[in-house]
């Protein structure tokens, strides 16, 4: 391509960059606010109304919700919404939304039926006190499937103002409901999971209402084959990221007692807070790159987002290493402090490469560069086999979980970096440029 022709392609410049920083700044504030409210639920761990065993049960049930394909659902509909609005296919988008809405409900019904039949085995295997917390989790699963679907639509249409507010309201509703149910009604882990259901359900209702102009219009037929070619790699790619981010607690729960898991859950809560700080950068970047790609425009946001994520994630991890003992002592019982503090460096360190890999995945998949997806899936499957193997061969060591997670997150980062920079370099050399 000639230099003259390159100059005619629209490029994201200073004004869009100003909008990007304003939008990502607002989402950072919203994420921190929502994260603080969500984290506030863990202050209940200091209450006599929530024994250590109940807190460990809550951590396990919460990871069931966290392991739902929330990230794939959100990113699929962020991508489809951004692309449909850029290419004038809003009526086709309406059909996709309604179909996914119905589909997630039917999948949830099948899952609820399975829980009903295997209820006793689940209660025994996870050492639950009764079925109440399990069924609160089942209800939380339903709204946790709908919330990312509709917040993804908000993200795709770049309605970041309401995207931020739904996150804040989800955290606020969850905190208020859990505090009442645990401190007043003494419902323990079941009350905390009921708080998740009520808080996320309220926020999902707002997101559904805010997007009604997109899903309530008359729909048109859409190309199934083209949709699947885009949705499948997005689902697998972001699903692999989410699996790496959330599954460690459920693996560890099968090998450690409630007393051992309580500090682990505490360390995980603090360390995952690093992503509250950096995810907004990628969240704002993603629909902008989808929109630019759909219109054959250039976007140079990626470099800024990678640099910003690296600085914020590394600074956050360092802050946890230095201030972790103080933060743990403020939020949790004194019996948690030593064990949680020992795990924090490993946990926080494992989150940094995952945060950077997440930015690269957002960029690659927004541009339709799906070649990275099979490698991501292979890594996630390898992690799923490696973690139980390590726990069986090194029993009684929670740090082994985090060392394994950190190693696989570094591999994920390396694979994504190769597809972002290595493949580009190889292509340029092949073209003789």
Protein backbone atom coordinates (compact mmCIF):
# COMPACT_ATOMS: atom_id res chain seq x y z
CA UNK A 1 0.00 0.00 0.00
CA UNK A 2 1.38 3.43 -0.89
CA UNK A 3 2.08 6.13 1.64
CA UNK A 4 -0.57 8.41 0.05
CA UNK A 5 -3.24 5.74 0.30
CA UNK A 6 -2.34 4.97 3.90
CA UNK A 7 -2.87 8.62 4.84
CA UNK A 8 -6.47 8.56 3.55
CA UNK A 9 -7.49 5.84 6.06
CA UNK A 10 -9.18 7.47 9.09
CA UNK A 11 -7.11 7.12 12.24
CA UNK A 12 -8.15 7.56 15.87
CA UNK A 13 -6.62 10.88 16.89
CA UNK A 14 -6.49 13.25 19.84
CA UNK A 15 -10.20 13.90 20.30
CA UNK A 16 -11.18 10.22 20.37
CA UNK A 17 -8.22 9.64 22.69
CA UNK A 18 -9.61 12.27 25.06
CA UNK A 19 -12.96 10.46 24.99
CA UNK A 20 -11.16 7.17 25.61
CA UNK A 21 -9.43 8.48 28.73
CA UNK A 22 -12.65 10.06 30.00
CA UNK A 23 -14.64 6.85 29.46
CA UNK A 24 -12.01 4.50 30.82
CA UNK A 25 -11.50 6.86 33.79
CA UNK A 26 -15.21 6.69 34.59
CA UNK A 27 -15.21 2.90 34.30
CA UNK A 28 -12.19 2.74 36.61
CA UNK A 29 -14.09 4.79 39.18
CA UNK A 30 -17.15 2.58 38.69
CA UNK A 31 -15.11 -0.63 38.92
CA UNK A 32 -13.33 0.54 42.07
CA UNK A 33 -16.63 1.62 43.60
CA UNK A 34 -18.35 -1.61 42.64
CA UNK A 35 -15.33 -3.59 43.78
CA UNK A 36 -15.23 -1.80 47.13
CA UNK A 37 -18.92 -2.51 47.68
CA UNK A 38 -18.48 -6.12 46.62
CA UNK A 39 -15.41 -6.43 48.82
CA UNK A 40 -17.42 -4.90 51.65
CA UNK A 41 -19.34 -8.16 51.81
CA UNK A 42 -16.12 -9.79 53.04
CA UNK A 43 -16.14 -7.53 56.13
CA UNK A 44 -18.89 -9.86 57.29
CA UNK A 45 -16.16 -12.46 57.77
CA UNK A 46 -15.23 -10.61 60.99
CA UNK A 47 -18.73 -11.06 62.34
CA UNK A 48 -19.65 -13.81 64.78
CA UNK A 49 -22.68 -14.41 62.57
CA UNK A 50 -20.35 -15.81 59.89
CA UNK A 51 -18.00 -18.58 61.17
CA UNK A 52 -14.92 -19.53 59.14
CA UNK A 53 -16.64 -22.65 57.79
CA UNK A 54 -19.53 -20.55 56.45
CA UNK A 55 -17.13 -18.06 54.85
CA UNK A 56 -15.27 -20.89 53.09
CA UNK A 57 -18.61 -22.26 51.83
CA UNK A 58 -19.49 -18.80 50.50
CA UNK A 59 -16.14 -18.60 48.69
CA UNK A 60 -16.78 -21.93 47.00
CA UNK A 61 -20.38 -21.12 45.98
CA UNK A 62 -19.28 -17.70 44.73
CA UNK A 63 -16.73 -19.33 42.42
CA UNK A 64 -19.56 -21.36 40.84
CA UNK A 65 -21.07 -18.06 39.75
CA UNK A 66 -17.65 -16.67 38.82
CA UNK A 67 -16.96 -19.66 36.55
CA UNK A 68 -20.05 -19.00 34.43
CA UNK A 69 -19.19 -17.86 30.89
CA UNK A 70 -19.89 -14.25 31.88
CA UNK A 71 -16.85 -12.83 30.09
CA UNK A 72 -17.57 -14.68 26.81
CA UNK A 73 -21.24 -13.64 26.90
CA UNK A 74 -20.37 -10.01 27.55
CA UNK A 75 -17.68 -9.83 24.90
CA UNK A 76 -19.72 -11.66 22.26
CA UNK A 77 -22.55 -9.15 22.61
CA UNK A 78 -20.18 -6.21 22.90
CA UNK A 79 -18.64 -7.31 19.60
CA UNK A 80 -21.95 -8.05 17.88
CA UNK A 81 -23.51 -4.79 19.07
CA UNK A 82 -20.55 -2.66 18.01
CA UNK A 83 -20.38 -4.39 14.64
CA UNK A 84 -24.14 -4.26 14.00
CA UNK A 85 -24.36 -0.54 14.82
CA UNK A 86 -21.32 0.20 12.63
CA UNK A 87 -22.81 -1.65 9.66
CA UNK A 88 -26.51 -0.79 10.06
CA UNK A 89 -27.76 -4.24 11.14
CA UNK A 90 -29.70 -3.23 14.27
CA UNK A 91 -32.75 -5.39 13.44
CA UNK A 92 -30.58 -8.48 13.03
CA UNK A 93 -28.99 -7.66 16.39
CA UNK A 94 -32.47 -7.62 18.00
CA UNK A 95 -33.06 -11.21 16.85
CA UNK A 96 -29.69 -12.31 18.24
CA UNK A 97 -30.38 -10.71 21.62
CA UNK A 98 -33.81 -12.28 22.03
CA UNK A 99 -32.55 -15.69 20.96
CA UNK A 100 -29.64 -15.55 23.44
CA UNK A 101 -31.97 -14.35 26.21
CA UNK A 102 -34.27 -17.33 25.68
CA UNK A 103 -31.35 -19.72 25.20
CA UNK A 104 -29.65 -18.78 28.48
CA UNK A 105 -32.94 -19.28 30.33
CA UNK A 106 -33.43 -22.76 28.86
CA UNK A 107 -29.84 -23.75 29.70
CA UNK A 108 -30.41 -22.51 33.25
CA UNK A 109 -33.59 -24.62 33.55
CA UNK A 110 -31.64 -27.73 32.52
CA UNK A 111 -28.93 -26.90 35.05
CA UNK A 112 -31.50 -26.35 37.83
CA UNK A 113 -33.05 -29.75 37.06
CA UNK A 114 -29.59 -31.37 37.26
CA UNK A 115 -28.93 -29.70 40.64
CA UNK A 116 -32.28 -31.00 41.91
CA UNK A 117 -31.38 -34.60 41.07
CA UNK A 118 -27.77 -34.39 42.31
CA UNK A 119 -28.44 -32.12 45.27
CA UNK A 120 -27.37 -34.58 47.97
CA UNK A 121 -24.08 -35.41 46.24
CA UNK A 122 -23.25 -31.74 45.78
CA UNK A 123 -24.00 -30.94 49.43
CA UNK A 124 -21.82 -33.83 50.61
CA UNK A 125 -18.95 -33.16 48.19
CA UNK A 126 -18.74 -29.44 48.99
CA UNK A 127 -19.43 -29.93 52.70
CA UNK A 128 -22.45 -27.59 52.66
CA UNK A 129 -24.52 -27.27 55.86
CA UNK A 130 -27.82 -27.54 53.93
CA UNK A 131 -29.40 -26.91 50.53
CA UNK A 132 -30.36 -23.25 51.08
CA UNK A 133 -27.05 -21.79 49.93
CA UNK A 134 -26.99 -24.13 46.93
CA UNK A 135 -30.40 -22.94 45.71
CA UNK A 136 -29.54 -19.31 46.32
CA UNK A 137 -26.55 -19.98 44.07
CA UNK A 138 -28.83 -21.51 41.41
CA UNK A 139 -30.92 -18.31 41.39
CA UNK A 140 -27.76 -16.18 41.31
CA UNK A 141 -26.60 -18.17 38.28
CA UNK A 142 -29.68 -17.10 36.27
CA UNK A 143 -29.22 -13.35 36.78
CA UNK A 144 -25.45 -13.78 36.39
CA UNK A 145 -26.09 -15.13 32.89
CA UNK A 146 -28.37 -12.24 31.94
CA UNK A 147 -26.24 -9.47 33.46
CA UNK A 148 -23.18 -9.92 31.17
CA UNK A 149 -25.41 -10.35 28.12
CA UNK A 150 -27.03 -6.94 28.55
CA UNK A 151 -24.00 -5.15 29.97
CA UNK A 152 -22.19 -6.39 26.85
CA UNK A 153 -24.81 -4.59 24.76
CA UNK A 154 -24.18 -1.41 26.76
CA UNK A 155 -20.45 -1.87 26.18
CA UNK A 156 -20.90 -2.49 22.46
CA UNK A 157 -22.98 0.66 21.97
CA UNK A 158 -20.35 2.52 24.05
CA UNK A 159 -22.86 3.54 26.72
CA UNK A 160 -20.13 3.47 29.34
CA UNK A 161 -22.01 5.79 31.70
CA UNK A 162 -24.75 3.25 32.37
CA UNK A 163 -22.34 0.35 32.09
CA UNK A 164 -20.51 1.84 35.06
CA UNK A 165 -23.67 2.55 37.05
CA UNK A 166 -25.03 -0.98 36.63
CA UNK A 167 -21.76 -2.32 38.08
CA UNK A 168 -21.95 0.06 41.05
CA UNK A 169 -25.60 -0.79 41.72
CA UNK A 170 -24.85 -4.52 41.51
CA UNK A 171 -22.19 -4.11 44.19
CA UNK A 172 -24.37 -1.88 46.37
CA UNK A 173 -27.39 -4.18 46.18
CA UNK A 174 -25.25 -7.19 46.93
CA UNK A 175 -23.63 -5.55 49.97
CA UNK A 176 -26.85 -4.19 51.50
CA UNK A 177 -28.82 -7.41 51.00
CA UNK A 178 -26.00 -9.64 52.32
CA UNK A 179 -25.46 -7.43 55.40
CA UNK A 180 -29.15 -7.60 56.33
CA UNK A 181 -29.46 -11.34 55.68
CA UNK A 182 -26.28 -12.25 57.57
CA UNK A 183 -26.28 -9.79 60.48
CA UNK A 184 -30.03 -9.58 61.11
CA UNK A 185 -31.40 -12.93 59.92
CA UNK A 186 -28.16 -14.92 60.57
CA UNK A 187 -28.40 -16.77 57.23
CA UNK A 188 -24.62 -17.30 56.88
CA UNK A 189 -23.31 -18.32 53.46
CA UNK A 190 -26.87 -18.70 52.13
CA UNK A 191 -27.55 -15.06 53.02
CA UNK A 192 -24.41 -13.91 51.24
CA UNK A 193 -25.40 -15.83 48.10
CA UNK A 194 -28.91 -14.39 48.34
CA UNK A 195 -27.21 -10.98 48.37
CA UNK A 196 -25.44 -11.88 45.12
CA UNK A 197 -28.78 -12.87 43.55
CA UNK A 198 -30.58 -9.70 44.65
CA UNK A 199 -27.76 -7.29 43.80
CA UNK A 200 -26.92 -8.71 40.37
CA UNK A 201 -30.61 -9.23 39.58
CA UNK A 202 -31.38 -5.56 40.28
CA UNK A 203 -28.49 -4.38 38.10
CA UNK A 204 -29.45 -6.80 35.31
CA UNK A 205 -32.95 -5.34 35.33
CA UNK A 206 -31.53 -1.85 34.79
CA UNK A 207 -29.30 -3.03 31.92
CA UNK A 208 -32.26 -4.79 30.29
CA UNK A 209 -34.35 -1.60 30.53
CA UNK A 210 -31.55 0.62 29.18
CA UNK A 211 -31.11 -1.57 26.08
CA UNK A 212 -34.80 -2.06 25.27
CA UNK A 213 -34.51 0.13 22.14
CA UNK A 214 -32.20 -2.53 20.66
CA UNK A 215 -33.92 -5.78 21.63
CA UNK A 216 -37.59 -4.68 21.49
CA UNK A 217 -37.63 -3.63 17.81
CA UNK A 218 -38.85 -5.89 15.00
CA UNK A 219 -36.09 -8.38 14.21
CA UNK A 220 -34.71 -9.58 10.88
CA UNK A 221 -33.08 -12.85 9.90
CA UNK A 222 -29.33 -13.04 10.30
CA UNK A 223 -26.61 -15.19 8.78
CA UNK A 224 -26.18 -18.13 11.17
CA UNK A 225 -22.95 -19.36 9.61
CA UNK A 226 -21.29 -15.96 9.74
CA UNK A 227 -22.46 -15.47 13.32
CA UNK A 228 -21.05 -18.81 14.46
CA UNK A 229 -17.72 -18.10 12.77
CA UNK A 230 -17.43 -15.03 15.00
CA UNK A 231 -19.15 -16.18 18.18
CA UNK A 232 -17.41 -19.54 18.61
CA UNK A 233 -13.83 -18.20 18.76
CA UNK A 234 -14.94 -15.28 20.96
CA UNK A 235 -16.65 -17.69 23.35
CA UNK A 236 -13.71 -20.09 23.50
CA UNK A 237 -11.07 -17.35 23.75
CA UNK A 238 -12.69 -15.29 26.49
CA UNK A 239 -13.90 -18.49 28.16
CA UNK A 240 -10.30 -19.70 28.43
CA UNK A 241 -9.33 -16.36 30.06
CA UNK A 242 -12.17 -16.60 32.54
CA UNK A 243 -11.34 -20.22 33.40
CA UNK A 244 -7.75 -19.23 34.19
CA UNK A 245 -9.03 -16.36 36.33
CA UNK A 246 -11.66 -18.11 38.45
CA UNK A 247 -11.31 -21.89 38.66
CA UNK A 248 -8.45 -22.23 41.17
CA UNK A 249 -10.72 -21.90 44.23
CA UNK A 250 -13.00 -24.76 43.16
CA UNK A 251 -10.01 -27.01 42.47
CA UNK A 252 -8.44 -26.17 45.84
CA UNK A 253 -11.69 -26.68 47.80
CA UNK A 254 -11.56 -30.42 47.10
CA UNK A 255 -8.08 -30.70 48.72
CA UNK A 256 -8.21 -28.36 51.71
CA UNK A 257 -10.36 -27.86 54.81
CA UNK A 258 -12.67 -24.90 55.39
CA UNK A 259 -10.17 -23.40 57.87
CA UNK A 260 -7.41 -23.54 55.24
CA UNK A 261 -9.63 -22.23 52.44
CA UNK A 262 -10.86 -19.15 54.32
CA UNK A 263 -7.45 -17.32 54.11
CA UNK A 264 -7.11 -18.49 50.48
CA UNK A 265 -10.47 -16.94 49.59
CA UNK A 266 -9.38 -13.74 51.36
CA UNK A 267 -6.10 -13.58 49.39
CA UNK A 268 -7.99 -14.23 46.16
CA UNK A 269 -10.47 -11.45 46.83
CA UNK A 270 -7.69 -8.91 47.40
CA UNK A 271 -5.59 -10.06 44.44
CA UNK A 272 -8.43 -10.14 41.94
CA UNK A 273 -9.08 -6.52 42.89
CA UNK A 274 -6.08 -5.72 40.66
CA UNK A 275 -8.32 -6.40 37.67
CA UNK A 276 -10.92 -3.91 38.91
CA UNK A 277 -8.26 -1.31 38.22
CA UNK A 278 -7.12 -2.42 34.76
CA UNK A 279 -10.08 -4.12 33.05
CA UNK A 280 -11.81 -0.80 32.18
CA UNK A 281 -8.98 0.06 29.78
CA UNK A 282 -9.60 -3.07 27.72
CA UNK A 283 -13.38 -2.75 28.13
CA UNK A 284 -13.41 0.69 26.50
CA UNK A 285 -10.84 -0.31 23.87
CA UNK A 286 -12.69 -3.42 22.65
CA UNK A 287 -15.83 -1.90 21.01
CA UNK A 288 -13.79 0.95 19.57
CA UNK A 289 -11.48 -1.49 17.79
CA UNK A 290 -14.45 -3.60 16.62
CA UNK A 291 -16.08 -0.44 15.24
CA UNK A 292 -12.85 0.69 13.57
CA UNK A 293 -12.26 -2.74 12.03
CA UNK A 294 -15.84 -2.93 10.69
CA UNK A 295 -15.29 0.42 8.94
CA UNK A 296 -11.71 -0.37 7.83
CA UNK A 297 -10.35 2.44 10.01
CA UNK A 298 -7.06 2.40 11.89
CA UNK A 299 -6.89 2.48 15.68
CA UNK A 300 -3.73 3.06 17.71
CA UNK A 301 -5.26 2.64 21.17
CA UNK A 302 -3.67 -0.75 21.84
CA UNK A 303 -0.17 0.50 22.73
CA UNK A 304 -1.52 2.97 25.29
CA UNK A 305 -3.76 0.34 26.87
CA UNK A 306 -0.95 -2.21 27.21
CA UNK A 307 1.36 0.35 28.80
CA UNK A 308 -1.32 1.63 31.16
CA UNK A 309 -2.30 -1.90 32.17
CA UNK A 310 1.32 -2.87 32.85
CA UNK A 311 1.92 0.18 35.07
CA UNK A 312 -1.34 -0.15 37.01
CA UNK A 313 -1.15 -3.94 37.46
CA UNK A 314 2.50 -3.92 38.56
CA UNK A 315 1.88 -0.98 40.90
CA UNK A 316 -1.19 -2.68 42.36
CA UNK A 317 0.69 -5.94 42.95
CA UNK A 318 3.52 -4.06 44.68
CA UNK A 319 0.97 -2.24 46.83
CA UNK A 320 -0.57 -5.55 47.90
CA UNK A 321 2.82 -6.98 48.83
CA UNK A 322 3.60 -3.92 50.96
CA UNK A 323 0.19 -3.14 52.45
CA UNK A 324 -1.41 -6.58 52.34
CA UNK A 325 -0.99 -7.36 56.07
CA UNK A 326 -2.64 -4.05 57.03
CA UNK A 327 -5.57 -4.58 54.64
CA UNK A 328 -6.10 -8.17 55.77
CA UNK A 329 -6.07 -7.11 59.41
CA UNK A 330 -8.70 -4.42 58.75
CA UNK A 331 -11.14 -6.65 56.84
CA UNK A 332 -10.64 -10.17 58.20
CA UNK A 333 -10.27 -11.96 61.50
CA UNK A 334 -6.83 -11.97 63.12
CA UNK A 335 -6.58 -15.73 62.52
CA UNK A 336 -6.52 -15.03 58.75
CA UNK A 337 -3.63 -12.56 58.74
CA UNK A 338 -0.55 -14.80 58.67
CA UNK A 339 -1.86 -17.35 56.14
CA UNK A 340 -3.42 -14.71 53.86
CA UNK A 341 -0.31 -12.53 53.91
CA UNK A 342 1.87 -15.50 52.95
CA UNK A 343 -0.33 -16.20 49.91
CA UNK A 344 -0.71 -12.61 48.69
CA UNK A 345 2.63 -12.26 46.83
CA UNK A 346 1.95 -15.45 44.85
CA UNK A 347 -1.66 -14.53 44.12
CA UNK A 348 -0.97 -10.91 43.14
CA UNK A 349 2.00 -11.96 41.02
CA UNK A 350 -0.16 -14.47 39.14
CA UNK A 351 -2.69 -11.74 38.26
CA UNK A 352 -0.22 -9.40 36.53
CA UNK A 353 0.51 -11.53 33.42
CA UNK A 354 -3.18 -12.43 33.23
CA UNK A 355 -4.13 -8.74 33.17
CA UNK A 356 -1.69 -8.07 30.31
CA UNK A 357 -2.80 -11.16 28.41
CA UNK A 358 -6.41 -10.00 28.74
CA UNK A 359 -5.60 -6.74 26.93
CA UNK A 360 -3.91 -8.63 24.10
CA UNK A 361 -6.82 -11.06 23.81
CA UNK A 362 -9.24 -8.13 23.59
CA UNK A 363 -7.20 -6.58 20.78
CA UNK A 364 -6.74 -9.82 18.82
CA UNK A 365 -10.35 -10.93 19.01
CA UNK A 366 -11.73 -7.45 18.33
CA UNK A 367 -9.76 -7.48 15.07
CA UNK A 368 -10.97 -11.00 14.19
CA UNK A 369 -7.50 -12.53 14.56
CA UNK A 370 -8.77 -15.86 15.88
CA UNK A 371 -5.60 -17.90 15.31
CA UNK A 372 -4.67 -17.46 18.97
CA UNK A 373 -7.85 -19.19 20.23
CA UNK A 374 -6.79 -22.87 19.83
CA UNK A 375 -3.59 -22.16 21.78
CA UNK A 376 -5.56 -20.43 24.55
CA UNK A 377 -7.97 -23.35 24.82
CA UNK A 378 -5.06 -25.83 24.90
CA UNK A 379 -3.46 -23.85 27.74
CA UNK A 380 -6.72 -23.77 29.72
CA UNK A 381 -7.18 -27.53 29.28
CA UNK A 382 -3.55 -28.11 30.29
CA UNK A 383 -4.08 -25.98 33.39
CA UNK A 384 -7.21 -27.97 34.25
CA UNK A 385 -5.18 -31.19 34.24
CA UNK A 386 -1.96 -29.80 35.74
CA UNK A 387 -3.53 -28.27 38.84
CA UNK A 388 -5.06 -31.49 40.26
CA UNK A 389 -1.84 -33.33 39.38
CA UNK A 390 0.23 -30.80 41.35
CA UNK A 391 -2.15 -30.93 44.31
CA UNK A 392 -1.95 -34.72 44.40
CA UNK A 393 1.85 -34.72 44.26
CA UNK A 394 2.37 -31.80 46.68
CA UNK A 395 -0.41 -32.22 49.24
CA UNK A 396 -1.12 -29.60 51.87
CA UNK A 397 0.53 -26.69 50.03
CA UNK A 398 -1.83 -23.93 48.90
CA UNK A 399 1.08 -22.03 47.37
CA UNK A 400 1.35 -24.83 44.78
CA UNK A 401 -2.05 -23.77 43.40
CA UNK A 402 -0.85 -20.22 42.88
CA UNK A 403 2.54 -21.23 41.48
CA UNK A 404 0.76 -23.38 38.89
CA UNK A 405 -1.69 -20.58 38.10
CA UNK A 406 1.16 -18.08 37.75
CA UNK A 407 3.12 -20.38 35.42
CA UNK A 408 0.15 -20.90 33.10
CA UNK A 409 -0.71 -17.19 33.14
CA UNK A 410 2.85 -16.44 32.03
CA UNK A 411 2.46 -18.97 29.21
CA UNK A 412 -0.83 -17.32 28.20
CA UNK A 413 0.89 -13.93 28.17
CA UNK A 414 3.73 -15.31 25.99
CA UNK A 415 1.32 -16.89 23.49
CA UNK A 416 -0.75 -13.72 23.18
CA UNK A 417 2.39 -11.56 22.84
CA UNK A 418 3.59 -13.78 19.99
CA UNK A 419 0.30 -13.38 18.11
CA UNK A 420 0.29 -9.61 18.69
CA UNK A 421 3.91 -8.87 17.81
CA UNK A 422 5.65 -12.03 16.60
CA UNK A 423 3.12 -12.92 13.90
CA UNK A 424 3.08 -9.31 12.65
CA UNK A 425 6.88 -9.28 12.38
CA UNK A 426 6.89 -12.62 10.60
CA UNK A 427 4.26 -11.38 8.10
CA UNK A 428 6.21 -8.19 7.37
CA UNK A 429 9.40 -10.18 6.76
CA UNK A 430 7.54 -12.53 4.41
CA UNK A 431 6.24 -9.51 2.47
CA UNK A 432 9.76 -8.10 2.27
CA UNK A 433 8.87 -4.92 4.14
